[in-house]
PDB file of N, CA and C in Angstrom:
ATOM      1  N   MET A   1      -0.707   6.552   8.496  1.00  0.00           N
ATOM      2  CA  MET A   1       0.496   6.337   9.295  1.00  0.00           C
ATOM      3  C   MET A   1       1.605   5.751   8.465  1.00  0.00           C
ATOM      4  N   MET A   2       1.328   4.743   7.670  1.00  0.00           N
ATOM      5  CA  MET A   2       2.409   4.089   6.933  1.00  0.00           C
ATOM      6  C   MET A   2       2.723   4.782   5.645  1.00  0.00           C
ATOM      7  N   GLU A   3       2.045   5.835   5.251  1.00  0.00           N
ATOM      8  CA  GLU A   3       2.282   6.485   4.004  1.00  0.00           C
ATOM      9  C   GLU A   3       3.709   6.943   3.879  1.00  0.00           C
ATOM     10  N   GLN A   4       4.373   7.177   4.960  1.00  0.00           N
ATOM     11  CA  GLN A   4       5.749   7.663   4.954  1.00  0.00           C
ATOM     12  C   GLN A   4       6.775   6.582   4.562  1.00  0.00           C
ATOM     13  N   LYS A   5       6.483   5.356   4.861  1.00  0.00           N
ATOM     14  CA  LYS A   5       7.421   4.233   4.589  1.00  0.00           C
ATOM     15  C   LYS A   5       6.667   3.036   4.014  1.00  0.00           C
ATOM     16  N   ILE A   6       5.978   3.286   2.921  1.00  0.00           N
ATOM     17  CA  ILE A   6       5.134   2.285   2.318  1.00  0.00           C
ATOM     18  C   ILE A   6       5.950   1.019   1.928  1.00  0.00           C
ATOM     19  N   ASP A   7       7.020   1.171   1.194  1.00  0.00           N
ATOM     20  CA  ASP A   7       7.789   0.008   0.783  1.00  0.00           C
ATOM     21  C   ASP A   7       8.397  -0.781   1.921  1.00  0.00           C
ATOM     22  N   LEU A   8       8.813  -0.060   2.975  1.00  0.00           N
ATOM     23  CA  LEU A   8       9.381  -0.720   4.166  1.00  0.00           C
ATOM     24  C   LEU A   8       8.266  -1.563   4.838  1.00  0.00           C
ATOM     25  N   ALA A   9       7.117  -0.954   5.033  1.00  0.00           N
ATOM     26  CA  ALA A   9       6.010  -1.658   5.668  1.00  0.00           C
ATOM     27  C   ALA A   9       5.574  -2.828   4.855  1.00  0.00           C
ATOM     28  N   LEU A  10       5.494  -2.703   3.514  1.00  0.00           N
ATOM     29  CA  LEU A  10       5.058  -3.825   2.700  1.00  0.00           C
ATOM     30  C   LEU A  10       6.101  -4.945   2.649  1.00  0.00           C
ATOM     31  N   ALA A  11       7.346  -4.618   2.866  1.00  0.00           N
ATOM     32  CA  ALA A  11       8.414  -5.657   2.903  1.00  0.00           C
ATOM     33  C   ALA A  11       8.245  -6.563   4.074  1.00  0.00           C
ATOM     34  N   PHE A  12       7.639  -6.088   5.187  1.00  0.00           N
ATOM     35  CA  PHE A  12       7.473  -6.907   6.381  1.00  0.00           C
ATOM     36  C   PHE A  12       6.133  -7.658   6.402  1.00  0.00           C
ATOM     37  N   ALA A  13       5.215  -7.209   5.594  1.00  0.00           N
ATOM     38  CA  ALA A  13       3.861  -7.795   5.610  1.00  0.00           C
ATOM     39  C   ALA A  13       3.658  -8.800   4.521  1.00  0.00           C
ATOM     40  N   GLN A  14       2.859  -9.792   4.753  1.00  0.00           N
ATOM     41  CA  GLN A  14       2.517 -10.773   3.721  1.00  0.00           C
ATOM     42  C   GLN A  14       1.322 -10.319   2.926  1.00  0.00           C
ATOM     43  N   ASP A  15       0.366  -9.757   3.636  1.00  0.00           N
ATOM     44  CA  ASP A  15      -0.881  -9.263   3.033  1.00  0.00           C
ATOM     45  C   ASP A  15      -1.074  -7.792   3.412  1.00  0.00           C
ATOM     46  N   VAL A  16      -1.895  -7.127   2.606  1.00  0.00           N
ATOM     47  CA  VAL A  16      -2.180  -5.738   2.890  1.00  0.00           C
ATOM     48  C   VAL A  16      -3.690  -5.490   2.837  1.00  0.00           C
ATOM     49  N   LEU A  17      -4.135  -4.615   3.701  1.00  0.00           N
ATOM     50  CA  LEU A  17      -5.505  -4.190   3.731  1.00  0.00           C
ATOM     51  C   LEU A  17      -5.508  -2.659   3.868  1.00  0.00           C
ATOM     52  N   VAL A  18      -6.032  -1.948   2.882  1.00  0.00           N
ATOM     53  CA  VAL A  18      -6.052  -0.502   2.891  1.00  0.00           C
ATOM     54  C   VAL A  18      -7.467  -0.022   3.184  1.00  0.00           C
ATOM     55  N   LEU A  19      -7.590   0.823   4.152  1.00  0.00           N
ATOM     56  CA  LEU A  19      -8.903   1.403   4.518  1.00  0.00           C
ATOM     57  C   LEU A  19      -8.938   2.863   4.189  1.00  0.00           C
ATOM     58  N   ASP A  20     -10.112   3.338   3.751  1.00  0.00           N
ATOM     59  CA  ASP A  20     -10.369   4.742   3.547  1.00  0.00           C
ATOM     60  C   ASP A  20     -11.688   5.077   4.192  1.00  0.00           C
ATOM     61  N   ARG A  21     -11.642   5.901   5.222  1.00  0.00           N
ATOM     62  CA  ARG A  21     -12.854   6.260   5.999  1.00  0.00           C
ATOM     63  C   ARG A  21     -13.610   5.021   6.473  1.00  0.00           C
ATOM     64  N   GLY A  22     -12.876   4.012   6.907  1.00  0.00           N
ATOM     65  CA  GLY A  22     -13.484   2.778   7.468  1.00  0.00           C
ATOM     66  C   GLY A  22     -13.912   1.719   6.442  1.00  0.00           C
ATOM     67  N   ARG A  23     -13.717   2.011   5.171  1.00  0.00           N
ATOM     68  CA  ARG A  23     -14.067   1.053   4.102  1.00  0.00           C
ATOM     69  C   ARG A  23     -12.823   0.459   3.479  1.00  0.00           C
ATOM     70  N   VAL A  24     -12.903  -0.817   3.180  1.00  0.00           N
ATOM     71  CA  VAL A  24     -11.790  -1.524   2.535  1.00  0.00           C
ATOM     72  C   VAL A  24     -11.741  -1.077   1.086  1.00  0.00           C
ATOM     73  N   VAL A  25     -10.599  -0.489   0.672  1.00  0.00           N
ATOM     74  CA  VAL A  25     -10.468  -0.027  -0.726  1.00  0.00           C
ATOM     75  C   VAL A  25      -9.430  -0.866  -1.466  1.00  0.00           C
ATOM     76  N   HIS A  26      -8.679  -1.697  -0.739  1.00  0.00           N
ATOM     77  CA  HIS A  26      -7.721  -2.606  -1.391  1.00  0.00           C
ATOM     78  C   HIS A  26      -7.376  -3.710  -0.432  1.00  0.00           C
ATOM     79  N   GLN A  27      -7.277  -4.928  -0.987  1.00  0.00           N
ATOM     80  CA  GLN A  27      -6.865  -6.069  -0.170  1.00  0.00           C
ATOM     81  C   GLN A  27      -6.149  -7.040  -1.084  1.00  0.00           C
ATOM     82  N   GLY A  28      -4.966  -7.511  -0.637  1.00  0.00           N
ATOM     83  CA  GLY A  28      -4.213  -8.414  -1.453  1.00  0.00           C
ATOM     84  C   GLY A  28      -2.814  -8.671  -0.924  1.00  0.00           C
ATOM     85  N   ALA A  29      -2.009  -9.246  -1.785  1.00  0.00           N
ATOM     86  CA  ALA A  29      -0.650  -9.610  -1.405  1.00  0.00           C
ATOM     87  C   ALA A  29       0.232  -8.340  -1.373  1.00  0.00           C
ATOM     88  N   SER A  30       1.014  -8.210  -0.307  1.00  0.00           N
ATOM     89  CA  SER A  30       1.892  -7.022  -0.189  1.00  0.00           C
ATOM     90  C   SER A  30       2.907  -6.927  -1.310  1.00  0.00           C
ATOM     91  N   GLU A  31       3.423  -8.076  -1.755  1.00  0.00           N
ATOM     92  CA  GLU A  31       4.412  -8.088  -2.806  1.00  0.00           C
ATOM     93  C   GLU A  31       3.863  -7.458  -4.103  1.00  0.00           C
ATOM     94  N   ALA A  32       2.600  -7.774  -4.409  1.00  0.00           N
ATOM     95  CA  ALA A  32       2.003  -7.263  -5.637  1.00  0.00           C
ATOM     96  C   ALA A  32       1.815  -5.747  -5.548  1.00  0.00           C
ATOM     97  N   LEU A  33       1.365  -5.279  -4.400  1.00  0.00           N
ATOM     98  CA  LEU A  33       1.190  -3.846  -4.245  1.00  0.00           C
ATOM     99  C   LEU A  33       2.531  -3.113  -4.219  1.00  0.00           C
ATOM    100  N   ARG A  34       3.517  -3.745  -3.621  1.00  0.00           N
ATOM    101  CA  ARG A  34       4.889  -3.109  -3.577  1.00  0.00           C
ATOM    102  C   ARG A  34       5.400  -2.893  -4.985  1.00  0.00           C
ATOM    103  N   ALA A  35       5.106  -3.775  -5.927  1.00  0.00           N
ATOM    104  CA  ALA A  35       5.605  -3.682  -7.301  1.00  0.00           C
ATOM    105  C   ALA A  35       4.763  -2.783  -8.197  1.00  0.00           C
ATOM    106  N   ASP A  36       3.595  -2.344  -7.708  1.00  0.00           N
ATOM    107  CA  ASP A  36       2.674  -1.586  -8.527  1.00  0.00           C
ATOM    108  C   ASP A  36       2.679  -0.092  -8.131  1.00  0.00           C
ATOM    109  N   GLU A  37       3.532   0.698  -8.778  1.00  0.00           N
ATOM    110  CA  GLU A  37       3.690   2.092  -8.458  1.00  0.00           C
ATOM    111  C   GLU A  37       2.411   2.895  -8.642  1.00  0.00           C
ATOM    112  N   ALA A  38       1.662   2.572  -9.729  1.00  0.00           N
ATOM    113  CA  ALA A  38       0.402   3.266 -10.003  1.00  0.00           C
ATOM    114  C   ALA A  38      -0.616   3.055  -8.885  1.00  0.00           C
ATOM    115  N   ALA A  39      -0.716   1.824  -8.394  1.00  0.00           N
ATOM    116  CA  ALA A  39      -1.651   1.530  -7.295  1.00  0.00           C
ATOM    117  C   ALA A  39      -1.242   2.239  -6.012  1.00  0.00           C
ATOM    118  N   LYS A  40       0.061   2.285  -5.752  1.00  0.00           N
ATOM    119  CA  LYS A  40       0.508   3.006  -4.537  1.00  0.00           C
ATOM    120  C   LYS A  40       0.183   4.485  -4.618  1.00  0.00           C
ATOM    121  N   VAL A  41       0.365   5.049  -5.774  1.00  0.00           N
ATOM    122  CA  VAL A  41       0.037   6.481  -5.954  1.00  0.00           C
ATOM    123  C   VAL A  41      -1.451   6.671  -5.744  1.00  0.00           C
ATOM    124  N   GLN A  42      -2.267   5.837  -6.342  1.00  0.00           N
ATOM    125  CA  GLN A  42      -3.693   5.967  -6.220  1.00  0.00           C
ATOM    126  C   GLN A  42      -4.182   5.777  -4.778  1.00  0.00           C
ATOM    127  N   LEU A  43      -3.654   4.772  -4.121  1.00  0.00           N
ATOM    128  CA  LEU A  43      -4.106   4.423  -2.754  1.00  0.00           C
ATOM    129  C   LEU A  43      -3.545   5.347  -1.709  1.00  0.00           C
ATOM    130  N   PHE A  44      -2.309   5.791  -1.856  1.00  0.00           N
ATOM    131  CA  PHE A  44      -1.613   6.527  -0.787  1.00  0.00           C
ATOM    132  C   PHE A  44      -1.274   7.953  -1.175  1.00  0.00           C
ATOM    133  N   CYS A  45      -1.533   8.301  -2.419  1.00  0.00           N
ATOM    134  CA  CYS A  45      -1.234   9.654  -2.923  1.00  0.00           C
ATOM    135  C   CYS A  45       0.228  10.027  -2.738  1.00  0.00           C
ATOM    136  N   VAL A  46       1.084   9.060  -2.973  1.00  0.00           N
ATOM    137  CA  VAL A  46       2.547   9.272  -2.907  1.00  0.00           C
ATOM    138  C   VAL A  46       3.209   8.575  -4.053  1.00  0.00           C
ATOM    139  N   GLY A  47       4.405   9.053  -4.404  1.00  0.00           N
ATOM    140  CA  GLY A  47       5.219   8.392  -5.429  1.00  0.00           C
ATOM    141  C   GLY A  47       6.256   7.540  -4.800  1.00  0.00           C
ATOM    142  N   GLY A  48       6.723   6.539  -5.555  1.00  0.00           N
ATOM    143  CA  GLY A  48       7.782   5.695  -5.069  1.00  0.00           C
ATOM    144  C   GLY A  48       9.131   6.352  -5.243  1.00  0.00           C
ATOM    145  N   GLY A  49      10.155   5.672  -4.787  1.00  0.00           N
ATOM    146  CA  GLY A  49      11.455   6.229  -4.976  1.00  0.00           C
ATOM    147  C   GLY A  49      12.413   5.948  -3.937  1.00  0.00           C
TER     148      GLY A  49
END
């Protein structure tokens, strides 16, 4: 759902939890994920911009 507006969603959140098929695949500070383009591509299969 949030794949469309990742940076916007991360700007409002303090922490992030990413699930894939019910399993936690990433957990941490939203600010760190927001700054890490490679992690966003890997986790959400999208590019920044």
